[in-house]
């Protein structure tokens, strides 16, 4: 039997392809995925590792994996901390929970999956990529690919913005050093 998940190459989160967060401490990630809420047939809360293993083995996880570009560091959370007893369970988003996770993971891109998650992120003023919930029956391969491309584009834009800011800071410091060395007293 093929193992379902691999050990991630960094302590927090996982690279796409490694299925389980083995990290003791969360770290910054490239993409933070916000789903709606977890559900289990008994409605019992699971620990994060068990929940992630179940997520990536599920229909939702397999489709979500296709939405995400390869090689990105990903963390997945739910908009609600409530756990449903059936797939149709739906709970209001917990904005404080979402804000705390965004501050913890410091994602370069936030992906909202489903109406509840996207509405919560919009209400909070968080820039995000909007996507249908991965388990939505009417989700097409074309839309999955479009979400993947949009995330890739946002990651590239974020990288350019960071590079531009770092370059501007270096050039400003070089100018200050130059003026300081050549100051007329």
C-alpha atoms as a PDB file:
ATOM      1  CA  UNK A   1       0.000   0.000   0.000  1.00  0.00           C
ATOM      2  CA  UNK A   2       1.344   3.438  -0.925  1.00  0.00           C
ATOM      3  CA  UNK A   3       1.744   5.848   2.020  1.00  0.00           C
ATOM      4  CA  UNK A   4      -0.885   8.560   2.018  1.00  0.00           C
ATOM      5  CA  UNK A   5       1.407  11.358   3.108  1.00  0.00           C
ATOM      6  CA  UNK A   6       5.048  12.320   3.344  1.00  0.00           C
ATOM      7  CA  UNK A   7       7.054  14.220   5.928  1.00  0.00           C
ATOM      8  CA  UNK A   8       7.204  17.892   4.932  1.00  0.00           C
ATOM      9  CA  UNK A   9      10.557  19.473   4.077  1.00  0.00           C
ATOM     10  CA  UNK A  10      10.019  22.342   6.521  1.00  0.00           C
ATOM     11  CA  UNK A  11       8.729  22.438  10.103  1.00  0.00           C
ATOM     12  CA  UNK A  12       5.392  24.249   9.681  1.00  0.00           C
ATOM     13  CA  UNK A  13       2.866  23.447   7.006  1.00  0.00           C
ATOM     14  CA  UNK A  14       3.805  21.372   4.019  1.00  0.00           C
ATOM     15  CA  UNK A  15       4.785  21.694   0.430  1.00  0.00           C
ATOM     16  CA  UNK A  16       2.098  20.552  -1.937  1.00  0.00           C
ATOM     17  CA  UNK A  17       2.715  16.870  -2.434  1.00  0.00           C
ATOM     18  CA  UNK A  18       3.458  16.285   1.242  1.00  0.00           C
ATOM     19  CA  UNK A  19       0.085  15.654   2.787  1.00  0.00           C
ATOM     20  CA  UNK A  20       0.469  16.086   6.522  1.00  0.00           C
ATOM     21  CA  UNK A  21       1.574  18.967   8.708  1.00  0.00           C
ATOM     22  CA  UNK A  22       4.096  17.327  11.032  1.00  0.00           C
ATOM     23  CA  UNK A  23       5.361  20.665  12.332  1.00  0.00           C
ATOM     24  CA  UNK A  24       5.041  21.489  16.002  1.00  0.00           C
ATOM     25  CA  UNK A  25       4.971  25.200  15.286  1.00  0.00           C
ATOM     26  CA  UNK A  26       3.243  27.018  12.433  1.00  0.00           C
ATOM     27  CA  UNK A  27       5.416  29.105  10.157  1.00  0.00           C
ATOM     28  CA  UNK A  28       4.874  31.555   7.351  1.00  0.00           C
ATOM     29  CA  UNK A  29       3.274  30.029   4.278  1.00  0.00           C
ATOM     30  CA  UNK A  30       2.802  30.960   0.643  1.00  0.00           C
ATOM     31  CA  UNK A  31      -0.925  30.185   0.534  1.00  0.00           C
ATOM     32  CA  UNK A  32      -3.440  30.084   3.363  1.00  0.00           C
ATOM     33  CA  UNK A  33      -6.574  28.201   2.331  1.00  0.00           C
ATOM     34  CA  UNK A  34      -9.744  29.105   4.212  1.00  0.00           C
ATOM     35  CA  UNK A  35     -12.443  26.442   3.904  1.00  0.00           C
ATOM     36  CA  UNK A  36     -15.919  26.666   5.473  1.00  0.00           C
ATOM     37  CA  UNK A  37     -16.006  24.156   8.344  1.00  0.00           C
ATOM     38  CA  UNK A  38     -14.978  20.627   9.215  1.00  0.00           C
ATOM     39  CA  UNK A  39     -17.429  17.772   9.534  1.00  0.00           C
ATOM     40  CA  UNK A  40     -17.227  14.213  10.784  1.00  0.00           C
ATOM     41  CA  UNK A  41     -20.038  11.685  10.982  1.00  0.00           C
ATOM     42  CA  UNK A  42     -19.943  11.752  14.777  1.00  0.00           C
ATOM     43  CA  UNK A  43     -19.515  15.566  14.917  1.00  0.00           C
ATOM     44  CA  UNK A  44     -16.493  15.096  17.197  1.00  0.00           C
ATOM     45  CA  UNK A  45     -13.556  17.499  16.967  1.00  0.00           C
ATOM     46  CA  UNK A  46     -10.274  15.904  15.771  1.00  0.00           C
ATOM     47  CA  UNK A  47      -6.714  17.006  16.350  1.00  0.00           C
ATOM     48  CA  UNK A  48      -5.146  18.940  13.481  1.00  0.00           C
ATOM     49  CA  UNK A  49      -3.048  16.051  12.165  1.00  0.00           C
ATOM     50  CA  UNK A  50      -6.004  13.702  11.996  1.00  0.00           C
ATOM     51  CA  UNK A  51      -8.150  16.403  10.381  1.00  0.00           C
ATOM     52  CA  UNK A  52      -5.482  17.177   7.741  1.00  0.00           C
ATOM     53  CA  UNK A  53      -4.999  13.492   6.937  1.00  0.00           C
ATOM     54  CA  UNK A  54      -8.744  13.163   6.416  1.00  0.00           C
ATOM     55  CA  UNK A  55      -8.933  16.365   4.415  1.00  0.00           C
ATOM     56  CA  UNK A  56      -6.245  15.403   1.892  1.00  0.00           C
ATOM     57  CA  UNK A  57      -7.711  11.912   1.479  1.00  0.00           C
ATOM     58  CA  UNK A  58     -11.183  13.344   0.795  1.00  0.00           C
ATOM     59  CA  UNK A  59     -12.854  14.578  -2.388  1.00  0.00           C
ATOM     60  CA  UNK A  60     -12.390  18.150  -1.119  1.00  0.00           C
ATOM     61  CA  UNK A  61      -8.659  17.598  -0.554  1.00  0.00           C
ATOM     62  CA  UNK A  62      -8.046  15.987  -3.937  1.00  0.00           C
ATOM     63  CA  UNK A  63      -9.758  18.871  -5.727  1.00  0.00           C
ATOM     64  CA  UNK A  64      -8.078  21.479  -3.537  1.00  0.00           C
ATOM     65  CA  UNK A  65      -4.697  19.976  -4.404  1.00  0.00           C
ATOM     66  CA  UNK A  66      -5.446  20.607  -8.087  1.00  0.00           C
ATOM     67  CA  UNK A  67      -6.308  24.244  -7.336  1.00  0.00           C
ATOM     68  CA  UNK A  68      -2.914  24.886  -5.743  1.00  0.00           C
ATOM     69  CA  UNK A  69       0.331  25.423  -7.694  1.00  0.00           C
ATOM     70  CA  UNK A  70       3.002  22.766  -7.119  1.00  0.00           C
ATOM     71  CA  UNK A  71       5.827  23.573  -4.720  1.00  0.00           C
ATOM     72  CA  UNK A  72       4.000  26.133  -2.579  1.00  0.00           C
ATOM     73  CA  UNK A  73       3.926  26.113   1.206  1.00  0.00           C
ATOM     74  CA  UNK A  74       0.281  25.717   2.185  1.00  0.00           C
ATOM     75  CA  UNK A  75      -1.716  25.874   5.387  1.00  0.00           C
ATOM     76  CA  UNK A  76      -5.428  25.066   5.548  1.00  0.00           C
ATOM     77  CA  UNK A  77      -7.909  26.347   8.118  1.00  0.00           C
ATOM     78  CA  UNK A  78     -11.669  26.460   8.447  1.00  0.00           C
ATOM     79  CA  UNK A  79     -13.615  29.712   8.676  1.00  0.00           C
ATOM     80  CA  UNK A  80     -15.561  28.255  11.592  1.00  0.00           C
ATOM     81  CA  UNK A  81     -14.189  26.381  14.563  1.00  0.00           C
ATOM     82  CA  UNK A  82     -17.449  24.406  14.818  1.00  0.00           C
ATOM     83  CA  UNK A  83     -17.510  20.785  13.623  1.00  0.00           C
ATOM     84  CA  UNK A  84     -20.572  19.454  11.847  1.00  0.00           C
ATOM     85  CA  UNK A  85     -22.025  15.945  11.946  1.00  0.00           C
ATOM     86  CA  UNK A  86     -22.770  15.825   8.205  1.00  0.00           C
ATOM     87  CA  UNK A  87     -21.337  17.205   4.970  1.00  0.00           C
ATOM     88  CA  UNK A  88     -24.132  19.771   4.659  1.00  0.00           C
ATOM     89  CA  UNK A  89     -23.333  21.278   8.085  1.00  0.00           C
ATOM     90  CA  UNK A  90     -22.783  25.014   7.873  1.00  0.00           C
ATOM     91  CA  UNK A  91     -21.738  27.462  10.579  1.00  0.00           C
ATOM     92  CA  UNK A  92     -21.031  31.199  10.637  1.00  0.00           C
ATOM     93  CA  UNK A  93     -17.410  32.239  10.235  1.00  0.00           C
ATOM     94  CA  UNK A  94     -15.350  33.074  13.306  1.00  0.00           C
ATOM     95  CA  UNK A  95     -13.602  36.309  12.268  1.00  0.00           C
ATOM     96  CA  UNK A  96     -11.307  36.375  15.309  1.00  0.00           C
ATOM     97  CA  UNK A  97     -10.142  32.817  14.545  1.00  0.00           C
ATOM     98  CA  UNK A  98      -9.451  33.695  10.894  1.00  0.00           C
ATOM     99  CA  UNK A  99      -7.572  36.905  11.827  1.00  0.00           C
ATOM    100  CA  UNK A 100      -5.399  35.014  14.318  1.00  0.00           C
ATOM    101  CA  UNK A 101      -4.488  32.397  11.722  1.00  0.00           C
ATOM    102  CA  UNK A 102      -3.632  35.050   9.132  1.00  0.00           C
ATOM    103  CA  UNK A 103      -1.366  36.746  11.690  1.00  0.00           C
ATOM    104  CA  UNK A 104       0.203  33.394  12.613  1.00  0.00           C
ATOM    105  CA  UNK A 105       0.880  32.120   9.090  1.00  0.00           C
ATOM    106  CA  UNK A 106       1.597  35.472   7.356  1.00  0.00           C
ATOM    107  CA  UNK A 107       0.513  34.131   3.953  1.00  0.00           C
ATOM    108  CA  UNK A 108       1.532  35.751   0.692  1.00  0.00           C
ATOM    109  CA  UNK A 109      -1.857  34.743  -0.785  1.00  0.00           C
ATOM    110  CA  UNK A 110      -5.138  33.869   0.917  1.00  0.00           C
ATOM    111  CA  UNK A 111      -7.513  31.512  -0.904  1.00  0.00           C
ATOM    112  CA  UNK A 112     -11.147  31.653   0.190  1.00  0.00           C
ATOM    113  CA  UNK A 113     -13.081  28.504  -0.731  1.00  0.00           C
ATOM    114  CA  UNK A 114     -16.846  28.800  -0.651  1.00  0.00           C
ATOM    115  CA  UNK A 115     -19.288  31.574   0.142  1.00  0.00           C
ATOM    116  CA  UNK A 116     -18.898  31.542   3.930  1.00  0.00           C
ATOM    117  CA  UNK A 117     -15.089  31.785   3.776  1.00  0.00           C
ATOM    118  CA  UNK A 118     -15.055  34.412   0.993  1.00  0.00           C
ATOM    119  CA  UNK A 119     -17.718  36.561   2.657  1.00  0.00           C
ATOM    120  CA  UNK A 120     -15.818  36.474   5.955  1.00  0.00           C
ATOM    121  CA  UNK A 121     -12.528  37.466   4.290  1.00  0.00           C
ATOM    122  CA  UNK A 122     -14.276  40.291   2.407  1.00  0.00           C
ATOM    123  CA  UNK A 123     -15.919  41.513   5.630  1.00  0.00           C
ATOM    124  CA  UNK A 124     -12.484  41.589   7.269  1.00  0.00           C
ATOM    125  CA  UNK A 125     -10.994  43.502   4.324  1.00  0.00           C
ATOM    126  CA  UNK A 126      -8.526  40.708   3.534  1.00  0.00           C
ATOM    127  CA  UNK A 127      -7.363  40.555  -0.076  1.00  0.00           C
ATOM    128  CA  UNK A 128      -7.971  37.036  -1.292  1.00  0.00           C
ATOM    129  CA  UNK A 129      -8.491  34.808  -4.281  1.00  0.00           C
ATOM    130  CA  UNK A 130     -12.141  33.735  -4.459  1.00  0.00           C
ATOM    131  CA  UNK A 131     -12.842  30.113  -5.324  1.00  0.00           C
ATOM    132  CA  UNK A 132     -15.845  27.852  -5.119  1.00  0.00           C
ATOM    133  CA  UNK A 133     -15.707  25.201  -2.427  1.00  0.00           C
ATOM    134  CA  UNK A 134     -13.618  22.291  -3.806  1.00  0.00           C
ATOM    135  CA  UNK A 135     -16.440  19.806  -3.089  1.00  0.00           C
ATOM    136  CA  UNK A 136     -19.009  21.788  -5.093  1.00  0.00           C
ATOM    137  CA  UNK A 137     -20.556  19.362  -7.559  1.00  0.00           C
ATOM    138  CA  UNK A 138     -20.710  21.888 -10.410  1.00  0.00           C
ATOM    139  CA  UNK A 139     -16.998  22.770 -10.141  1.00  0.00           C
ATOM    140  CA  UNK A 140     -15.380  22.343 -13.555  1.00  0.00           C
ATOM    141  CA  UNK A 141     -11.799  21.490 -14.448  1.00  0.00           C
ATOM    142  CA  UNK A 142     -11.600  24.839 -16.252  1.00  0.00           C
ATOM    143  CA  UNK A 143     -12.464  26.706 -13.031  1.00  0.00           C
ATOM    144  CA  UNK A 144      -9.969  24.628 -11.028  1.00  0.00           C
ATOM    145  CA  UNK A 145      -7.220  25.529 -13.513  1.00  0.00           C
ATOM    146  CA  UNK A 146      -8.287  29.195 -13.453  1.00  0.00           C
ATOM    147  CA  UNK A 147      -7.935  29.261  -9.641  1.00  0.00           C
ATOM    148  CA  UNK A 148      -4.481  27.645  -9.923  1.00  0.00           C
ATOM    149  CA  UNK A 149      -3.400  30.286 -12.463  1.00  0.00           C
ATOM    150  CA  UNK A 150      -4.819  33.124 -10.340  1.00  0.00           C
ATOM    151  CA  UNK A 151      -2.944  31.920  -7.249  1.00  0.00           C
ATOM    152  CA  UNK A 152       0.281  31.587  -9.279  1.00  0.00           C
ATOM    153  CA  UNK A 153      -0.210  35.112 -10.597  1.00  0.00           C
ATOM    154  CA  UNK A 154      -0.821  36.514  -7.102  1.00  0.00           C
ATOM    155  CA  UNK A 155       2.271  34.740  -5.770  1.00  0.00           C
ATOM    156  CA  UNK A 156       4.347  36.245  -8.603  1.00  0.00           C
ATOM    157  CA  UNK A 157       2.878  39.695  -7.927  1.00  0.00           C
ATOM    158  CA  UNK A 158       3.669  39.374  -4.214  1.00  0.00           C
ATOM    159  CA  UNK A 159       7.235  38.292  -5.013  1.00  0.00           C
ATOM    160  CA  UNK A 160       7.699  41.270  -7.354  1.00  0.00           C
ATOM    161  CA  UNK A 161       6.316  43.687  -4.775  1.00  0.00           C
ATOM    162  CA  UNK A 162       8.663  42.320  -2.112  1.00  0.00           C
ATOM    163  CA  UNK A 163      11.654  42.430  -4.494  1.00  0.00           C
ATOM    164  CA  UNK A 164      10.802  46.008  -5.530  1.00  0.00           C
ATOM    165  CA  UNK A 165      10.498  47.139  -1.906  1.00  0.00           C
ATOM    166  CA  UNK A 166      13.806  45.483  -0.972  1.00  0.00           C
ATOM    167  CA  UNK A 167      15.531  47.024  -3.993  1.00  0.00           C
ATOM    168  CA  UNK A 168      14.137  50.480  -3.189  1.00  0.00           C
ATOM    169  CA  UNK A 169      15.322  50.160   0.395  1.00  0.00           C
ATOM    170  CA  UNK A 170      18.835  49.143  -0.723  1.00  0.00           C
ATOM    171  CA  UNK A 171      19.014  52.000  -3.239  1.00  0.00           C
ATOM    172  CA  UNK A 172      17.803  54.512  -0.641  1.00  0.00           C
ATOM    173  CA  UNK A 173      20.393  53.262   1.844  1.00  0.00           C
ATOM    174  CA  UNK A 174      23.119  53.463  -0.840  1.00  0.00           C
ATOM    175  CA  UNK A 175      22.094  57.059  -1.611  1.00  0.00           C
ATOM    176  CA  UNK A 176      22.137  57.990   2.081  1.00  0.00           C
ATOM    177  CA  UNK A 177      25.574  56.389   2.451  1.00  0.00           C
ATOM    178  CA  UNK A 178      26.807  58.256  -0.651  1.00  0.00           C
ATOM    179  CA  UNK A 179      25.485  61.604   0.553  1.00  0.00           C
ATOM    180  CA  UNK A 180      26.869  60.929   4.021  1.00  0.00           C
ATOM    181  CA  UNK A 181      30.330  60.172   2.602  1.00  0.00           C
ATOM    182  CA  UNK A 182      30.293  63.230   0.342  1.00  0.00           C
ATOM    183  CA  UNK A 183      28.572  65.709   2.607  1.00  0.00           C
ATOM    184  CA  UNK A 184      29.874  69.254   2.485  1.00  0.00           C
ATOM    185  CA  UNK A 185      30.437  70.538   5.981  1.00  0.00           C
END
